[in-house]
Amino acid sequence: MSLSVLVVDDQGIVRAGFAAVIDAEEDMTVVGEAGDGAAAVRLAEELAPDVVVMDVRMPELDGIAATRIITDREDAPRVLVLTTFDLDAYVFEALRAGASGFLLKDVHAAELLHGIRVVAAGESVLAPSATRRLIGHYASGAVTGFGGGSTPRELDGLTGRERSVLALVASGLTNAEIGEQLGITVGTVKSHVNALLRKLGLRDRVQATILAYDLGLARPNPPGAHL
């Protein structure tokens, strides 16, 4: 089945470019385009896309607020945020709002298409180095507690290995890298990740990463740290 995608960006030429790249794929269809957050919210409800490719900085209703509204609905689409990153201090809040990941706006077409497929499959897109840098700048000032209502006491339900995996997920490591560090197979890592997400009531690795930083299981790099 073809993945339906809603493209949201306030710059028409950028929006058209992303839409053209996506629509050229046999397994993807752009079902709509929006130039601001309010239109994105309306079209997401009307068109029920599988994935929303979301800009952050937009007039009227920005991408963070739009993401929060869209992902708060039942059977919500996945949201993939595209950002200039170095200039945008709001991406962390977009992830808190429910986005399944982020990519830089200068991403190669192949990476964008891969990201859409990944989030549509229920996974998250977190470039490891960008994740560590982003969290290093912004997580220390974030409000404690994630939207799901998880508390440190709820971590009591995790095994020691699951806590270790959670901390490594928060550091931006892939399943293969986690397996190598812990001396376990990729399949076992996936099982641990699925188990901890289920126990904590989290949707994906993005939420797990934010929760880990909120609860002190992982610590941000100091601003300016080499990655």
Protein backbone atom coordinates (compact mmCIF):
# COMPACT_ATOMS: atom_id res chain seq x y z
CA MET A 1 0.00 0.00 0.00
CA SER A 2 1.15 3.52 -0.77
CA LEU A 3 2.17 5.72 2.14
CA SER A 4 0.14 8.93 2.23
CA VAL A 5 2.14 12.02 3.14
CA LEU A 6 1.16 15.58 4.08
CA VAL A 7 3.92 18.13 3.42
CA VAL A 8 3.96 21.25 5.59
CA ASP A 9 6.28 24.22 5.00
CA ASP A 10 5.63 27.94 4.75
CA GLN A 11 8.04 28.34 1.82
CA GLY A 12 6.24 27.30 -1.34
CA ILE A 13 9.37 26.38 -3.27
CA VAL A 14 10.68 24.21 -0.45
CA ARG A 15 7.30 22.56 -0.01
CA ALA A 16 7.03 21.85 -3.72
CA GLY A 17 10.53 20.40 -3.79
CA PHE A 18 9.86 17.97 -0.97
CA ALA A 19 6.50 17.03 -2.47
CA ALA A 20 8.07 16.30 -5.85
CA VAL A 21 10.71 14.05 -4.31
CA ILE A 22 8.14 12.14 -2.27
CA ASP A 23 5.57 11.82 -5.05
CA ALA A 24 8.17 10.34 -7.38
CA GLU A 25 8.35 7.22 -5.21
CA GLU A 26 6.18 4.26 -6.13
CA ASP A 27 5.26 3.55 -2.52
CA MET A 28 4.44 7.15 -1.52
CA THR A 29 1.75 9.67 -2.41
CA VAL A 30 1.55 13.31 -1.36
CA VAL A 31 -2.10 13.75 -0.41
CA GLY A 32 -1.84 17.39 0.57
CA GLU A 33 0.33 20.45 1.19
CA ALA A 34 0.01 23.12 3.87
CA GLY A 35 1.74 26.47 4.29
CA ASP A 36 1.10 26.96 8.00
CA GLY A 37 0.31 25.02 11.14
CA ALA A 38 -3.41 25.76 11.17
CA ALA A 39 -3.81 24.36 7.66
CA ALA A 40 -1.68 21.37 8.67
CA VAL A 41 -3.99 20.56 11.58
CA ARG A 42 -7.07 20.84 9.38
CA LEU A 43 -5.65 18.76 6.54
CA ALA A 44 -4.26 16.11 8.89
CA GLU A 45 -7.78 15.56 10.19
CA GLU A 46 -9.41 15.66 6.76
CA LEU A 47 -6.89 13.55 4.85
CA ALA A 48 -5.67 11.20 7.62
CA PRO A 49 -2.15 10.84 6.17
CA ASP A 50 0.27 8.21 7.38
CA VAL A 51 3.06 10.74 7.84
CA VAL A 52 3.22 14.52 8.18
CA VAL A 53 6.50 16.13 7.10
CA MET A 54 6.46 19.22 9.32
CA ASP A 55 8.34 22.50 9.21
CA VAL A 56 8.89 24.18 12.59
CA ARG A 57 8.91 27.91 11.95
CA MET A 58 5.64 29.00 10.38
CA PRO A 59 3.22 31.91 10.74
CA GLU A 60 0.01 31.81 12.78
CA LEU A 61 0.43 28.34 14.27
CA ASP A 62 3.99 27.00 14.36
CA GLY A 63 5.05 23.41 13.77
CA ILE A 64 5.39 22.61 17.47
CA ALA A 65 1.84 23.61 18.31
CA ALA A 66 0.53 21.91 15.18
CA THR A 67 2.41 18.71 16.02
CA ARG A 68 0.99 18.70 19.54
CA ILE A 69 -2.58 19.00 18.25
CA ILE A 70 -2.12 16.44 15.48
CA THR A 71 -0.45 13.77 17.61
CA ASP A 72 -2.92 14.18 20.45
CA ARG A 73 -5.71 12.71 18.34
CA GLU A 74 -6.69 9.06 18.18
CA ASP A 75 -5.00 7.19 15.30
CA ALA A 76 -2.73 10.17 14.79
CA PRO A 77 -0.29 10.23 11.87
CA ARG A 78 3.42 10.13 12.53
CA VAL A 79 5.16 13.50 12.36
CA LEU A 80 8.65 13.95 10.93
CA VAL A 81 10.07 17.39 11.66
CA LEU A 82 12.42 19.07 9.22
CA THR A 83 14.51 21.90 10.59
CA THR A 84 17.52 24.07 9.93
CA PHE A 85 18.62 22.81 13.38
CA ASP A 86 21.52 25.17 14.08
CA LEU A 87 19.12 28.11 13.97
CA ASP A 88 16.14 26.39 15.52
CA ALA A 89 15.97 26.01 19.29
CA TYR A 90 12.46 24.59 19.17
CA VAL A 91 13.06 21.10 17.81
CA PHE A 92 13.35 19.54 21.26
CA GLU A 93 9.91 20.86 22.12
CA ALA A 94 8.59 19.50 18.82
CA LEU A 95 9.78 16.05 19.90
CA ARG A 96 8.10 16.56 23.25
CA ALA A 97 4.95 17.53 21.38
CA GLY A 98 4.85 14.12 19.75
CA ALA A 99 7.06 14.20 16.65
CA SER A 100 8.63 10.86 15.77
CA GLY A 101 11.94 12.39 14.79
CA PHE A 102 13.70 15.09 12.88
CA LEU A 103 15.97 15.64 9.92
CA LEU A 104 17.85 18.66 8.67
CA LYS A 105 16.27 20.63 5.86
CA ASP A 106 19.33 20.11 3.67
CA VAL A 107 18.86 16.34 3.95
CA HIS A 108 19.56 14.25 0.86
CA ALA A 109 16.47 12.96 -0.89
CA ALA A 110 17.31 9.36 -0.04
CA GLU A 111 17.56 10.21 3.67
CA LEU A 112 14.23 12.03 3.62
CA LEU A 113 12.49 9.10 1.94
CA HIS A 114 14.11 6.65 4.35
CA GLY A 115 12.99 8.79 7.28
CA ILE A 116 9.39 8.81 6.07
CA ARG A 117 9.39 5.03 5.69
CA VAL A 118 10.95 4.55 9.11
CA VAL A 119 8.44 6.67 11.02
CA ALA A 120 5.55 5.19 9.03
CA ALA A 121 6.69 1.77 10.23
CA GLY A 122 6.39 2.90 13.83
CA GLU A 123 10.05 3.64 14.49
CA SER A 124 11.78 6.96 15.02
CA VAL A 125 14.37 8.97 13.15
CA LEU A 126 17.14 10.23 15.40
CA ALA A 127 20.49 11.04 13.89
CA PRO A 128 22.82 10.08 16.77
CA SER A 129 25.23 13.03 16.65
CA ALA A 130 22.44 15.55 16.09
CA THR A 131 20.44 14.03 18.93
CA ARG A 132 23.30 14.34 21.40
CA ARG A 133 24.01 17.91 20.33
CA LEU A 134 20.37 18.91 20.50
CA ILE A 135 19.80 17.44 23.93
CA GLY A 136 23.09 18.86 25.15
CA HIS A 137 21.83 22.34 24.38
CA TYR A 138 18.20 22.10 25.47
CA ALA A 139 17.38 19.13 27.69
CA SER A 140 18.89 20.60 30.86
CA GLY A 141 16.34 23.41 30.78
CA ALA A 142 13.35 21.21 29.97
CA VAL A 143 10.41 20.83 32.32
CA THR A 144 10.67 17.58 34.24
CA GLY A 145 8.18 14.90 33.34
CA PHE A 146 7.06 13.68 29.95
CA GLY A 147 3.58 13.99 28.53
CA GLY A 148 2.78 10.34 29.22
CA GLY A 149 2.89 10.98 32.94
CA SER A 150 5.75 8.55 33.67
CA THR A 151 7.53 9.03 36.99
CA PRO A 152 10.77 7.65 38.44
CA ARG A 153 8.71 5.12 40.42
CA GLU A 154 7.46 3.62 37.17
CA LEU A 155 11.04 2.80 36.26
CA ASP A 156 10.92 0.19 39.01
CA GLY A 157 9.16 -2.02 36.50
CA LEU A 158 12.24 -2.08 34.26
CA THR A 159 14.94 -4.70 34.58
CA GLY A 160 18.54 -3.58 35.03
CA ARG A 161 19.27 -4.46 31.42
CA GLU A 162 16.26 -2.48 30.20
CA ARG A 163 17.48 0.57 32.11
CA SER A 164 20.88 0.19 30.51
CA VAL A 165 19.30 -0.05 27.07
CA LEU A 166 17.15 3.00 27.78
CA ALA A 167 20.21 5.06 28.70
CA LEU A 168 22.01 3.96 25.54
CA VAL A 169 18.97 4.73 23.39
CA ALA A 170 19.02 8.23 24.91
CA SER A 171 22.66 8.64 23.93
CA GLY A 172 21.64 8.20 20.30
CA LEU A 173 23.09 4.74 19.70
CA THR A 174 21.54 2.42 17.14
CA ASN A 175 20.37 -1.08 18.06
CA ALA A 176 23.53 -2.52 16.51
CA GLU A 177 25.74 -0.18 18.54
CA ILE A 178 23.84 -0.97 21.73
CA GLY A 179 24.19 -4.69 21.06
CA GLU A 180 27.92 -4.34 20.50
CA GLN A 181 28.37 -2.35 23.71
CA LEU A 182 26.33 -4.75 25.84
CA GLY A 183 27.47 -7.92 24.11
CA ILE A 184 23.99 -8.97 23.00
CA THR A 185 22.31 -9.52 19.63
CA VAL A 186 20.39 -6.86 17.74
CA GLY A 187 17.26 -8.99 18.14
CA THR A 188 17.69 -8.99 21.91
CA VAL A 189 18.16 -5.21 21.90
CA LYS A 190 14.92 -4.82 19.94
CA SER A 191 13.13 -7.01 22.48
CA HIS A 192 14.43 -4.88 25.35
CA VAL A 193 13.45 -1.65 23.58
CA ASN A 194 9.93 -2.94 22.87
CA ALA A 195 9.56 -4.12 26.46
CA LEU A 196 10.65 -0.82 28.03
CA LEU A 197 8.44 1.20 25.69
CA ARG A 198 5.47 -0.96 26.63
CA LYS A 199 6.18 -0.79 30.36
CA LEU A 200 6.62 2.99 30.32
CA GLY A 201 3.66 3.63 28.04
CA LEU A 202 5.83 5.37 25.43
CA ARG A 203 5.25 5.45 21.69
CA ASP A 204 8.82 5.35 20.37
CA ARG A 205 12.52 5.96 20.94
CA VAL A 206 12.06 9.72 20.79
CA GLN A 207 9.81 9.69 23.83
CA ALA A 208 12.14 7.23 25.54
CA THR A 209 15.10 9.54 24.93
CA ILE A 210 13.34 12.56 26.38
CA LEU A 211 12.12 10.59 29.39
CA ALA A 212 15.63 9.29 30.08
CA TYR A 213 16.98 12.83 30.21
CA ASP A 214 14.07 14.06 32.29
CA LEU A 215 14.69 11.35 34.87
CA GLY A 216 18.46 11.65 34.96
CA LEU A 217 19.23 8.28 33.37
CA ALA A 218 21.28 10.15 30.77
CA ARG A 219 23.00 13.49 30.96
CA PRO A 220 23.31 16.11 28.21
CA ASN A 221 26.64 17.07 26.79
CA PRO A 222 27.72 20.59 27.73
CA PRO A 223 27.11 23.18 25.01
CA GLY A 224 30.06 23.32 22.66
CA ALA A 225 31.14 19.76 23.38
CA HIS A 226 32.79 17.98 20.47
CA LEU A 227 30.61 15.25 18.94
